[in-house]
Amino acid sequence: MPPGGESTGVALEDCAMLARILKLYSSSIQASPNLALQAYEAMRAPHVLNAYKKAVARWQGTREIGWLQYRLQFVGFKIFLQWFAGKPNESFAYNVYQAEIPEAKGQET
């Protein structure tokens, strides 16, 4: 991903989600680790792809701007942050610890 800090956040979310899935699927992993990895991929792929698309759009939008436009965006961003302080958007509202993980087929809980 282009620089912006998204990669670090996504990597940490990946670690947390993989740990949760491995714990949930622990009884079926010995039989087939592919079930846990498929569940992990199904859970994370849409979120990661969405974050990547947003990062690329931001990166492409700011690559070829002039000095004045950059300064206006910088000031506008500060105003935006003050205006929306305390109001999480969809990117920050996502919580891997609260995401529902599908049960493994044939696994009893």
PDB file of N, CA and C in Angstrom:
ATOM      1  N   MET A   1       0.837  -1.190   0.000  1.00  0.00           N
ATOM      2  CA  MET A   1       0.000   0.000   0.000  1.00  0.00           C
ATOM      3  C   MET A   1       0.877   1.247   0.000  1.00  0.00           C
ATOM      4  N   PRO A   2       0.377   2.330  -0.544  1.00  0.00           N
ATOM      5  CA  PRO A   2       1.122   3.582  -0.476  1.00  0.00           C
ATOM      6  C   PRO A   2       1.269   4.028   0.982  1.00  0.00           C
ATOM      7  N   PRO A   3       2.267   4.858   1.277  1.00  0.00           N
ATOM      8  CA  PRO A   3       2.466   5.277   2.662  1.00  0.00           C
ATOM      9  C   PRO A   3       1.271   6.042   3.197  1.00  0.00           C
ATOM     10  N   GLY A   4       0.931   5.779   4.410  1.00  0.00           N
ATOM     11  CA  GLY A   4      -0.183   6.459   5.052  1.00  0.00           C
ATOM     12  C   GLY A   4      -0.514   5.795   6.374  1.00  0.00           C
ATOM     13  N   GLY A   5       0.189   4.748   6.719  1.00  0.00           N
ATOM     14  CA  GLY A   5      -0.043   4.072   7.976  1.00  0.00           C
ATOM     15  C   GLY A   5      -1.030   2.931   7.904  1.00  0.00           C
ATOM     16  N   GLU A   6      -1.710   2.781   6.766  1.00  0.00           N
ATOM     17  CA  GLU A   6      -2.719   1.734   6.657  1.00  0.00           C
ATOM     18  C   GLU A   6      -2.112   0.338   6.785  1.00  0.00           C
ATOM     19  N   SER A   7      -0.948   0.166   6.229  1.00  0.00           N
ATOM     20  CA  SER A   7      -0.324  -1.164   6.217  1.00  0.00           C
ATOM     21  C   SER A   7      -0.079  -1.690   7.623  1.00  0.00           C
ATOM     22  N   THR A   8       0.372  -0.837   8.508  1.00  0.00           N
ATOM     23  CA  THR A   8       0.631  -1.256   9.877  1.00  0.00           C
ATOM     24  C   THR A   8      -0.662  -1.660  10.571  1.00  0.00           C
ATOM     25  N   GLY A   9      -1.696  -0.854  10.412  1.00  0.00           N
ATOM     26  CA  GLY A   9      -2.987  -1.168  11.018  1.00  0.00           C
ATOM     27  C   GLY A   9      -3.574  -2.458  10.478  1.00  0.00           C
ATOM     28  N   VAL A  10      -3.487  -2.644   9.174  1.00  0.00           N
ATOM     29  CA  VAL A  10      -4.021  -3.859   8.552  1.00  0.00           C
ATOM     30  C   VAL A  10      -3.231  -5.082   9.022  1.00  0.00           C
ATOM     31  N   ALA A  11      -1.919  -4.950   9.149  1.00  0.00           N
ATOM     32  CA  ALA A  11      -1.107  -6.075   9.610  1.00  0.00           C
ATOM     33  C   ALA A  11      -1.464  -6.469  11.043  1.00  0.00           C
ATOM     34  N   LEU A  12      -1.696  -5.485  11.898  1.00  0.00           N
ATOM     35  CA  LEU A  12      -2.089  -5.784  13.278  1.00  0.00           C
ATOM     36  C   LEU A  12      -3.471  -6.429  13.332  1.00  0.00           C
ATOM     37  N   GLU A  13      -4.396  -5.925  12.509  1.00  0.00           N
ATOM     38  CA  GLU A  13      -5.722  -6.544  12.438  1.00  0.00           C
ATOM     39  C   GLU A  13      -5.611  -7.980  11.939  1.00  0.00           C
ATOM     40  N   ASP A  14      -4.750  -8.211  10.944  1.00  0.00           N
ATOM     41  CA  ASP A  14      -4.544  -9.567  10.422  1.00  0.00           C
ATOM     42  C   ASP A  14      -4.074 -10.511  11.523  1.00  0.00           C
ATOM     43  N   CYS A  15      -3.115 -10.058  12.316  1.00  0.00           N
ATOM     44  CA  CYS A  15      -2.601 -10.895  13.409  1.00  0.00           C
ATOM     45  C   CYS A  15      -3.704 -11.241  14.401  1.00  0.00           C
ATOM     46  N   ALA A  16      -4.475 -10.250  14.784  1.00  0.00           N
ATOM     47  CA  ALA A  16      -5.536 -10.479  15.764  1.00  0.00           C
ATOM     48  C   ALA A  16      -6.601 -11.425  15.207  1.00  0.00           C
ATOM     49  N   MET A  17      -6.999 -11.215  13.954  1.00  0.00           N
ATOM     50  CA  MET A  17      -8.028 -12.068  13.360  1.00  0.00           C
ATOM     51  C   MET A  17      -7.522 -13.488  13.172  1.00  0.00           C
ATOM     52  N   LEU A  18      -6.289 -13.648  12.727  1.00  0.00           N
ATOM     53  CA  LEU A  18      -5.737 -14.990  12.550  1.00  0.00           C
ATOM     54  C   LEU A  18      -5.667 -15.727  13.890  1.00  0.00           C
ATOM     55  N   ALA A  19      -5.284 -15.034  14.940  1.00  0.00           N
ATOM     56  CA  ALA A  19      -5.237 -15.659  16.266  1.00  0.00           C
ATOM     57  C   ALA A  19      -6.626 -16.106  16.712  1.00  0.00           C
ATOM     58  N   ARG A  20      -7.622 -15.260  16.491  1.00  0.00           N
ATOM     59  CA  ARG A  20      -8.994 -15.631  16.866  1.00  0.00           C
ATOM     60  C   ARG A  20      -9.478 -16.841  16.081  1.00  0.00           C
ATOM     61  N   ILE A  21      -9.199 -16.856  14.785  1.00  0.00           N
ATOM     62  CA  ILE A  21      -9.658 -17.966  13.950  1.00  0.00           C
ATOM     63  C   ILE A  21      -8.935 -19.254  14.312  1.00  0.00           C
ATOM     64  N   LEU A  22      -7.634 -19.179  14.533  1.00  0.00           N
ATOM     65  CA  LEU A  22      -6.894 -20.387  14.917  1.00  0.00           C
ATOM     66  C   LEU A  22      -7.398 -20.944  16.244  1.00  0.00           C
ATOM     67  N   LYS A  23      -7.755 -20.067  17.161  1.00  0.00           N
ATOM     68  CA  LYS A  23      -8.300 -20.521  18.439  1.00  0.00           C
ATOM     69  C   LYS A  23      -9.662 -21.190  18.246  1.00  0.00           C
ATOM     70  N   LEU A  24     -10.507 -20.576  17.449  1.00  0.00           N
ATOM     71  CA  LEU A  24     -11.844 -21.125  17.214  1.00  0.00           C
ATOM     72  C   LEU A  24     -11.787 -22.455  16.469  1.00  0.00           C
ATOM     73  N   TYR A  25     -10.892 -22.557  15.512  1.00  0.00           N
ATOM     74  CA  TYR A  25     -10.798 -23.745  14.666  1.00  0.00           C
ATOM     75  C   TYR A  25      -9.771 -24.748  15.190  1.00  0.00           C
ATOM     76  N   SER A  26      -9.280 -24.580  16.411  1.00  0.00           N
ATOM     77  CA  SER A  26      -8.176 -25.400  16.909  1.00  0.00           C
ATOM     78  C   SER A  26      -8.460 -26.899  16.852  1.00  0.00           C
ATOM     79  N   SER A  27      -9.699 -27.324  17.088  1.00  0.00           N
ATOM     80  CA  SER A  27      -9.975 -28.762  17.050  1.00  0.00           C
ATOM     81  C   SER A  27      -9.976 -29.309  15.623  1.00  0.00           C
ATOM     82  N   SER A  28     -10.296 -28.465  14.649  1.00  0.00           N
ATOM     83  CA  SER A  28     -10.328 -28.946  13.266  1.00  0.00           C
ATOM     84  C   SER A  28      -9.010 -28.695  12.528  1.00  0.00           C
ATOM     85  N   ILE A  29      -8.101 -27.931  13.117  1.00  0.00           N
ATOM     86  CA  ILE A  29      -6.831 -27.628  12.449  1.00  0.00           C
ATOM     87  C   ILE A  29      -5.988 -28.884  12.278  1.00  0.00           C
ATOM     88  N   GLN A  30      -6.013 -29.749  13.280  1.00  0.00           N
ATOM     89  CA  GLN A  30      -5.207 -30.963  13.184  1.00  0.00           C
ATOM     90  C   GLN A  30      -5.661 -31.808  12.007  1.00  0.00           C
ATOM     91  N   ALA A  31      -6.965 -31.812  11.745  1.00  0.00           N
ATOM     92  CA  ALA A  31      -7.477 -32.578  10.614  1.00  0.00           C
ATOM     93  C   ALA A  31      -7.191 -31.854   9.298  1.00  0.00           C
ATOM     94  N   SER A  32      -7.450 -30.538   9.275  1.00  0.00           N
ATOM     95  CA  SER A  32      -7.245 -29.778   8.044  1.00  0.00           C
ATOM     96  C   SER A  32      -7.018 -28.301   8.367  1.00  0.00           C
ATOM     97  N   PRO A  33      -5.779 -27.850   8.333  1.00  0.00           N
ATOM     98  CA  PRO A  33      -5.525 -26.427   8.593  1.00  0.00           C
ATOM     99  C   PRO A  33      -6.103 -25.525   7.505  1.00  0.00           C
ATOM    100  N   ASN A  34      -6.429 -26.108   6.357  1.00  0.00           N
ATOM    101  CA  ASN A  34      -6.987 -25.307   5.261  1.00  0.00           C
ATOM    102  C   ASN A  34      -8.317 -24.672   5.639  1.00  0.00           C
ATOM    103  N   LEU A  35      -9.106 -25.319   6.495  1.00  0.00           N
ATOM    104  CA  LEU A  35     -10.394 -24.737   6.903  1.00  0.00           C
ATOM    105  C   LEU A  35     -10.193 -23.405   7.610  1.00  0.00           C
ATOM    106  N   ALA A  36      -9.259 -23.385   8.536  1.00  0.00           N
ATOM    107  CA  ALA A  36      -8.990 -22.150   9.275  1.00  0.00           C
ATOM    108  C   ALA A  36      -8.444 -21.068   8.348  1.00  0.00           C
ATOM    109  N   LEU A  37      -7.538 -21.442   7.459  1.00  0.00           N
ATOM    110  CA  LEU A  37      -6.952 -20.454   6.545  1.00  0.00           C
ATOM    111  C   LEU A  37      -7.970 -19.937   5.542  1.00  0.00           C
ATOM    112  N   GLN A  38      -8.881 -20.784   5.103  1.00  0.00           N
ATOM    113  CA  GLN A  38      -9.943 -20.341   4.189  1.00  0.00           C
ATOM    114  C   GLN A  38     -10.888 -19.369   4.900  1.00  0.00           C
ATOM    115  N   ALA A  39     -11.211 -19.669   6.159  1.00  0.00           N
ATOM    116  CA  ALA A  39     -12.069 -18.763   6.930  1.00  0.00           C
ATOM    117  C   ALA A  39     -11.377 -17.416   7.128  1.00  0.00           C
ATOM    118  N   TYR A  40     -10.079 -17.469   7.425  1.00  0.00           N
ATOM    119  CA  TYR A  40      -9.298 -16.238   7.604  1.00  0.00           C
ATOM    120  C   TYR A  40      -9.314 -15.402   6.324  1.00  0.00           C
ATOM    121  N   GLU A  41      -9.059 -16.050   5.209  1.00  0.00           N
ATOM    122  CA  GLU A  41      -9.037 -15.320   3.940  1.00  0.00           C
ATOM    123  C   GLU A  41     -10.399 -14.729   3.601  1.00  0.00           C
ATOM    124  N   ALA A  42     -11.450 -15.495   3.847  1.00  0.00           N
ATOM    125  CA  ALA A  42     -12.809 -15.007   3.563  1.00  0.00           C
ATOM    126  C   ALA A  42     -13.155 -13.807   4.441  1.00  0.00           C
ATOM    127  N   MET A  43     -12.669 -13.812   5.678  1.00  0.00           N
ATOM    128  CA  MET A  43     -12.959 -12.706   6.595  1.00  0.00           C
ATOM    129  C   MET A  43     -12.142 -11.462   6.254  1.00  0.00           C
ATOM    130  N   ARG A  44     -10.894 -11.633   5.925  1.00  0.00           N
ATOM    131  CA  ARG A  44      -9.997 -10.486   5.780  1.00  0.00           C
ATOM    132  C   ARG A  44      -9.918  -9.909   4.366  1.00  0.00           C
ATOM    133  N   ALA A  45     -10.056 -10.735   3.355  1.00  0.00           N
ATOM    134  CA  ALA A  45      -9.844 -10.264   1.979  1.00  0.00           C
ATOM    135  C   ALA A  45     -10.694  -9.045   1.624  1.00  0.00           C
ATOM    136  N   PRO A  46     -12.005  -9.034   1.886  1.00  0.00           N
ATOM    137  CA  PRO A  46     -12.787  -7.853   1.514  1.00  0.00           C
ATOM    138  C   PRO A  46     -12.331  -6.582   2.244  1.00  0.00           C
ATOM    139  N   HIS A  47     -12.011  -6.701   3.510  1.00  0.00           N
ATOM    140  CA  HIS A  47     -11.593  -5.527   4.288  1.00  0.00           C
ATOM    141  C   HIS A  47     -10.248  -4.997   3.797  1.00  0.00           C
ATOM    142  N   VAL A  48      -9.312  -5.879   3.559  1.00  0.00           N
ATOM    143  CA  VAL A  48      -7.979  -5.471   3.099  1.00  0.00           C
ATOM    144  C   VAL A  48      -8.064  -4.850   1.704  1.00  0.00           C
ATOM    145  N   LEU A  49      -8.850  -5.449   0.818  1.00  0.00           N
ATOM    146  CA  LEU A  49      -9.002  -4.904  -0.530  1.00  0.00           C
ATOM    147  C   LEU A  49      -9.625  -3.514  -0.487  1.00  0.00           C
ATOM    148  N   ASN A  50     -10.609  -3.325   0.370  1.00  0.00           N
ATOM    149  CA  ASN A  50     -11.246  -2.021   0.512  1.00  0.00           C
ATOM    150  C   ASN A  50     -10.241  -0.977   1.016  1.00  0.00           C
ATOM    151  N   ALA A  51      -9.459  -1.328   2.023  1.00  0.00           N
ATOM    152  CA  ALA A  51      -8.443  -0.411   2.540  1.00  0.00           C
ATOM    153  C   ALA A  51      -7.408  -0.081   1.459  1.00  0.00           C
ATOM    154  N   TYR A  52      -7.024  -1.091   0.688  1.00  0.00           N
ATOM    155  CA  TYR A  52      -6.045  -0.870  -0.389  1.00  0.00           C
ATOM    156  C   TYR A  52      -6.593   0.097  -1.445  1.00  0.00           C
ATOM    157  N   LYS A  53      -7.842  -0.112  -1.855  1.00  0.00           N
ATOM    158  CA  LYS A  53      -8.444   0.765  -2.870  1.00  0.00           C
ATOM    159  C   LYS A  53      -8.520   2.210  -2.387  1.00  0.00           C
ATOM    160  N   LYS A  54      -8.886   2.398  -1.121  1.00  0.00           N
ATOM    161  CA  LYS A  54      -8.959   3.757  -0.576  1.00  0.00           C
ATOM    162  C   LYS A  54      -7.578   4.395  -0.510  1.00  0.00           C
ATOM    163  N   ALA A  55      -6.567   3.624  -0.116  1.00  0.00           N
ATOM    164  CA  ALA A  55      -5.203   4.155  -0.030  1.00  0.00           C
ATOM    165  C   ALA A  55      -4.681   4.546  -1.402  1.00  0.00           C
ATOM    166  N   VAL A  56      -4.927   3.714  -2.396  1.00  0.00           N
ATOM    167  CA  VAL A  56      -4.467   4.014  -3.756  1.00  0.00           C
ATOM    168  C   VAL A  56      -5.172   5.260  -4.289  1.00  0.00           C
ATOM    169  N   ALA A  57      -6.478   5.381  -4.028  1.00  0.00           N
ATOM    170  CA  ALA A  57      -7.215   6.557  -4.498  1.00  0.00           C
ATOM    171  C   ALA A  57      -6.658   7.831  -3.872  1.00  0.00           C
ATOM    172  N   ARG A  58      -6.349   7.784  -2.580  1.00  0.00           N
ATOM    173  CA  ARG A  58      -5.760   8.958  -1.923  1.00  0.00           C
ATOM    174  C   ARG A  58      -4.384   9.259  -2.491  1.00  0.00           C
ATOM    175  N   TRP A  59      -3.598   8.225  -2.699  1.00  0.00           N
ATOM    176  CA  TRP A  59      -2.243   8.398  -3.209  1.00  0.00           C
ATOM    177  C   TRP A  59      -2.269   8.990  -4.618  1.00  0.00           C
ATOM    178  N   GLN A  60      -3.117   8.453  -5.482  1.00  0.00           N
ATOM    179  CA  GLN A  60      -3.210   8.957  -6.854  1.00  0.00           C
ATOM    180  C   GLN A  60      -3.720  10.393  -6.870  1.00  0.00           C
ATOM    181  N   GLY A  61      -4.621  10.714  -5.958  1.00  0.00           N
ATOM    182  CA  GLY A  61      -5.196  12.053  -5.920  1.00  0.00           C
ATOM    183  C   GLY A  61      -4.242  13.127  -5.459  1.00  0.00           C
ATOM    184  N   THR A  62      -3.209  12.754  -4.725  1.00  0.00           N
ATOM    185  CA  THR A  62      -2.290  13.765  -4.186  1.00  0.00           C
ATOM    186  C   THR A  62      -0.909  13.746  -4.829  1.00  0.00           C
ATOM    187  N   ARG A  63      -0.699  12.856  -5.772  1.00  0.00           N
ATOM    188  CA  ARG A  63       0.642  12.740  -6.367  1.00  0.00           C
ATOM    189  C   ARG A  63       1.051  13.944  -7.195  1.00  0.00           C
ATOM    190  N   GLU A  64       0.133  14.516  -7.927  1.00  0.00           N
ATOM    191  CA  GLU A  64       0.511  15.559  -8.880  1.00  0.00           C
ATOM    192  C   GLU A  64      -0.182  16.887  -8.582  1.00  0.00           C
ATOM    193  N   ILE A  65      -0.141  17.316  -7.334  1.00  0.00           N
ATOM    194  CA  ILE A  65      -0.758  18.594  -7.002  1.00  0.00           C
ATOM    195  C   ILE A  65       0.322  19.631  -6.761  1.00  0.00           C
ATOM    196  N   GLY A  66      -0.050  20.869  -6.906  1.00  0.00           N
ATOM    197  CA  GLY A  66       0.894  21.961  -6.695  1.00  0.00           C
ATOM    198  C   GLY A  66       1.007  22.344  -5.226  1.00  0.00           C
ATOM    199  N   TRP A  67       1.902  23.284  -4.958  1.00  0.00           N
ATOM    200  CA  TRP A  67       2.162  23.714  -3.597  1.00  0.00           C
ATOM    201  C   TRP A  67       0.919  24.318  -2.951  1.00  0.00           C
ATOM    202  N   LEU A  68       0.226  25.206  -3.654  1.00  0.00           N
ATOM    203  CA  LEU A  68      -0.942  25.877  -3.093  1.00  0.00           C
ATOM    204  C   LEU A  68      -2.053  24.869  -2.790  1.00  0.00           C
ATOM    205  N   GLN A  69      -2.306  23.983  -3.714  1.00  0.00           N
ATOM    206  CA  GLN A  69      -3.347  22.983  -3.480  1.00  0.00           C
ATOM    207  C   GLN A  69      -2.982  22.081  -2.301  1.00  0.00           C
ATOM    208  N   TYR A  70      -1.718  21.747  -2.175  1.00  0.00           N
ATOM    209  CA  TYR A  70      -1.265  20.939  -1.045  1.00  0.00           C
ATOM    210  C   TYR A  70      -1.535  21.665   0.276  1.00  0.00           C
ATOM    211  N   ARG A  71      -1.189  22.946   0.342  1.00  0.00           N
ATOM    212  CA  ARG A  71      -1.398  23.723   1.567  1.00  0.00           C
ATOM    213  C   ARG A  71      -2.889  23.831   1.892  1.00  0.00           C
ATOM    214  N   LEU A  72      -3.719  24.038   0.887  1.00  0.00           N
ATOM    215  CA  LEU A  72      -5.163  24.115   1.116  1.00  0.00           C
ATOM    216  C   LEU A  72      -5.707  22.792   1.637  1.00  0.00           C
ATOM    217  N   GLN A  73      -5.226  21.692   1.076  1.00  0.00           N
ATOM    218  CA  GLN A  73      -5.651  20.381   1.564  1.00  0.00           C
ATOM    219  C   GLN A  73      -5.175  20.160   2.994  1.00  0.00           C
ATOM    220  N   PHE A  74      -3.973  20.609   3.300  1.00  0.00           N
ATOM    221  CA  PHE A  74      -3.426  20.443   4.641  1.00  0.00           C
ATOM    222  C   PHE A  74      -4.280  21.192   5.661  1.00  0.00           C
ATOM    223  N   VAL A  75      -4.624  22.433   5.368  1.00  0.00           N
ATOM    224  CA  VAL A  75      -5.462  23.234   6.262  1.00  0.00           C
ATOM    225  C   VAL A  75      -6.859  22.634   6.334  1.00  0.00           C
ATOM    226  N   GLY A  76      -7.381  22.220   5.185  1.00  0.00           N
ATOM    227  CA  GLY A  76      -8.704  21.600   5.165  1.00  0.00           C
ATOM    228  C   GLY A  76      -8.751  20.325   5.991  1.00  0.00           C
ATOM    229  N   PHE A  77      -7.681  19.568   5.979  1.00  0.00           N
ATOM    230  CA  PHE A  77      -7.622  18.330   6.756  1.00  0.00           C
ATOM    231  C   PHE A  77      -7.630  18.637   8.244  1.00  0.00           C
ATOM    232  N   LYS A  78      -6.919  19.670   8.652  1.00  0.00           N
ATOM    233  CA  LYS A  78      -6.930  20.059  10.069  1.00  0.00           C
ATOM    234  C   LYS A  78      -8.346  20.454  10.506  1.00  0.00           C
ATOM    235  N   ILE A  79      -9.030  21.196   9.673  1.00  0.00           N
ATOM    236  CA  ILE A  79     -10.411  21.588   9.980  1.00  0.00           C
ATOM    237  C   ILE A  79     -11.296  20.350  10.043  1.00  0.00           C
ATOM    238  N   PHE A  80     -11.107  19.443   9.105  1.00  0.00           N
ATOM    239  CA  PHE A  80     -11.874  18.191   9.082  1.00  0.00           C
ATOM    240  C   PHE A  80     -11.670  17.408  10.379  1.00  0.00           C
ATOM    241  N   LEU A  81     -10.421  17.286  10.825  1.00  0.00           N
ATOM    242  CA  LEU A  81     -10.132  16.544  12.050  1.00  0.00           C
ATOM    243  C   LEU A  81     -10.791  17.183  13.267  1.00  0.00           C
ATOM    244  N   GLN A  82     -10.765  18.506  13.338  1.00  0.00           N
ATOM    245  CA  GLN A  82     -11.395  19.182  14.463  1.00  0.00           C
ATOM    246  C   GLN A  82     -12.920  19.031  14.406  1.00  0.00           C
ATOM    247  N   TRP A  83     -13.470  19.098  13.216  1.00  0.00           N
ATOM    248  CA  TRP A  83     -14.923  19.004  13.043  1.00  0.00           C
ATOM    249  C   TRP A  83     -15.437  17.622  13.435  1.00  0.00           C
ATOM    250  N   PHE A  84     -14.720  16.572  13.045  1.00  0.00           N
ATOM    251  CA  PHE A  84     -15.180  15.206  13.277  1.00  0.00           C
ATOM    252  C   PHE A  84     -14.502  14.523  14.471  1.00  0.00           C
ATOM    253  N   ALA A  85     -13.860  15.289  15.326  1.00  0.00           N
ATOM    254  CA  ALA A  85     -13.203  14.702  16.497  1.00  0.00           C
ATOM    255  C   ALA A  85     -14.237  13.965  17.350  1.00  0.00           C
ATOM    256  N   GLY A  86     -13.910  12.750  17.710  1.00  0.00           N
ATOM    257  CA  GLY A  86     -14.807  11.962  18.539  1.00  0.00           C
ATOM    258  C   GLY A  86     -15.886  11.223  17.781  1.00  0.00           C
ATOM    259  N   LYS A  87     -15.916  11.360  16.464  1.00  0.00           N
ATOM    260  CA  LYS A  87     -16.903  10.667  15.643  1.00  0.00           C
ATOM    261  C   LYS A  87     -16.170   9.668  14.750  1.00  0.00           C
ATOM    262  N   PRO A  88     -16.058   8.403  15.169  1.00  0.00           N
ATOM    263  CA  PRO A  88     -15.303   7.443  14.357  1.00  0.00           C
ATOM    264  C   PRO A  88     -15.983   7.176  13.024  1.00  0.00           C
ATOM    265  N   ASN A  89     -15.191   7.083  11.972  1.00  0.00           N
ATOM    266  CA  ASN A  89     -15.757   6.722  10.681  1.00  0.00           C
ATOM    267  C   ASN A  89     -15.691   5.213  10.514  1.00  0.00           C
ATOM    268  N   GLU A  90     -16.145   4.706   9.387  1.00  0.00           N
ATOM    269  CA  GLU A  90     -16.221   3.265   9.186  1.00  0.00           C
ATOM    270  C   GLU A  90     -14.859   2.580   9.273  1.00  0.00           C
ATOM    271  N   SER A  91     -13.798   3.272   8.876  1.00  0.00           N
ATOM    272  CA  SER A  91     -12.471   2.659   8.937  1.00  0.00           C
ATOM    273  C   SER A  91     -12.025   2.410  10.370  1.00  0.00           C
ATOM    274  N   PHE A  92     -12.352   3.331  11.258  1.00  0.00           N
ATOM    275  CA  PHE A  92     -11.928   3.195  12.641  1.00  0.00           C
ATOM    276  C   PHE A  92     -12.955   2.453  13.487  1.00  0.00           C
ATOM    277  N   ALA A  93     -14.161   2.293  12.988  1.00  0.00           N
ATOM    278  CA  ALA A  93     -15.205   1.609  13.744  1.00  0.00           C
ATOM    279  C   ALA A  93     -15.076   0.090  13.644  1.00  0.00           C
ATOM    280  N   TYR A  94     -14.331  -0.411  12.670  1.00  0.00           N
ATOM    281  CA  TYR A  94     -14.170  -1.850  12.482  1.00  0.00           C
ATOM    282  C   TYR A  94     -13.319  -2.421  13.612  1.00  0.00           C
ATOM    283  N   ASN A  95     -13.804  -3.482  14.246  1.00  0.00           N
ATOM    284  CA  ASN A  95     -13.105  -4.092  15.367  1.00  0.00           C
ATOM    285  C   ASN A  95     -12.969  -5.584  15.111  1.00  0.00           C
ATOM    286  N   VAL A  96     -11.757  -6.059  14.909  1.00  0.00           N
ATOM    287  CA  VAL A  96     -11.545  -7.478  14.610  1.00  0.00           C
ATOM    288  C   VAL A  96     -11.945  -8.376  15.767  1.00  0.00           C
ATOM    289  N   TYR A  97     -11.942  -7.848  16.970  1.00  0.00           N
ATOM    290  CA  TYR A  97     -12.315  -8.667  18.123  1.00  0.00           C
ATOM    291  C   TYR A  97     -13.825  -8.853  18.240  1.00  0.00           C
ATOM    292  N   GLN A  98     -14.585  -8.043  17.522  1.00  0.00           N
ATOM    293  CA  GLN A  98     -16.040  -8.172  17.562  1.00  0.00           C
ATOM    294  C   GLN A  98     -16.607  -8.751  16.279  1.00  0.00           C
ATOM    295  N   ALA A  99     -15.783  -8.954  15.271  1.00  0.00           N
ATOM    296  CA  ALA A  99     -16.251  -9.524  14.008  1.00  0.00           C
ATOM    297  C   ALA A  99     -16.670 -10.972  14.227  1.00  0.00           C
ATOM    298  N   GLU A 100     -17.780 -11.348  13.630  1.00  0.00           N
ATOM    299  CA  GLU A 100     -18.291 -12.709  13.784  1.00  0.00           C
ATOM    300  C   GLU A 100     -17.527 -13.653  12.864  1.00  0.00           C
ATOM    301  N   ILE A 101     -17.035 -14.739  13.424  1.00  0.00           N
ATOM    302  CA  ILE A 101     -16.278 -15.733  12.669  1.00  0.00           C
ATOM    303  C   ILE A 101     -17.180 -16.941  12.455  1.00  0.00           C
ATOM    304  N   PRO A 102     -17.304 -17.418  11.220  1.00  0.00           N
ATOM    305  CA  PRO A 102     -18.152 -18.595  10.987  1.00  0.00           C
ATOM    306  C   PRO A 102     -17.552 -19.832  11.626  1.00  0.00           C
ATOM    307  N   GLU A 103     -18.417 -20.681  12.151  1.00  0.00           N
ATOM    308  CA  GLU A 103     -17.976 -21.921  12.772  1.00  0.00           C
ATOM    309  C   GLU A 103     -17.422 -22.874  11.709  1.00  0.00           C
ATOM    310  N   ALA A 104     -16.485 -23.712  12.120  1.00  0.00           N
ATOM    311  CA  ALA A 104     -15.953 -24.739  11.218  1.00  0.00           C
ATOM    312  C   ALA A 104     -17.016 -25.805  11.029  1.00  0.00           C
ATOM    313  N   LYS A 105     -17.141 -26.308   9.821  1.00  0.00           N
ATOM    314  CA  LYS A 105     -18.112 -27.356   9.541  1.00  0.00           C
ATOM    315  C   LYS A 105     -17.719 -28.613  10.291  1.00  0.00           C
ATOM    316  N   GLY A 106     -18.695 -29.191  10.987  1.00  0.00           N
ATOM    317  CA  GLY A 106     -18.441 -30.422  11.715  1.00  0.00           C
ATOM    318  C   GLY A 106     -17.810 -30.190  13.083  1.00  0.00           C
ATOM    319  N   GLN A 107     -17.634 -28.928  13.482  1.00  0.00           N
ATOM    320  CA  GLN A 107     -17.028 -28.633  14.779  1.00  0.00           C
ATOM    321  C   GLN A 107     -18.128 -28.369  15.788  1.00  0.00           C
ATOM    322  N   GLU A 108     -18.040 -28.988  16.925  1.00  0.00           N
ATOM    323  CA  GLU A 108     -19.027 -28.792  17.976  1.00  0.00           C
ATOM    324  C   GLU A 108     -18.526 -27.738  18.928  1.00  0.00           C
ATOM    325  N   THR A 109     -19.458 -26.875  19.395  1.00  0.00           N
ATOM    326  CA  THR A 109     -19.058 -25.841  20.348  1.00  0.00           C
ATOM    327  C   THR A 109     -19.668 -26.086  21.691  1.00  0.00           C
TER     328      THR A 109
END
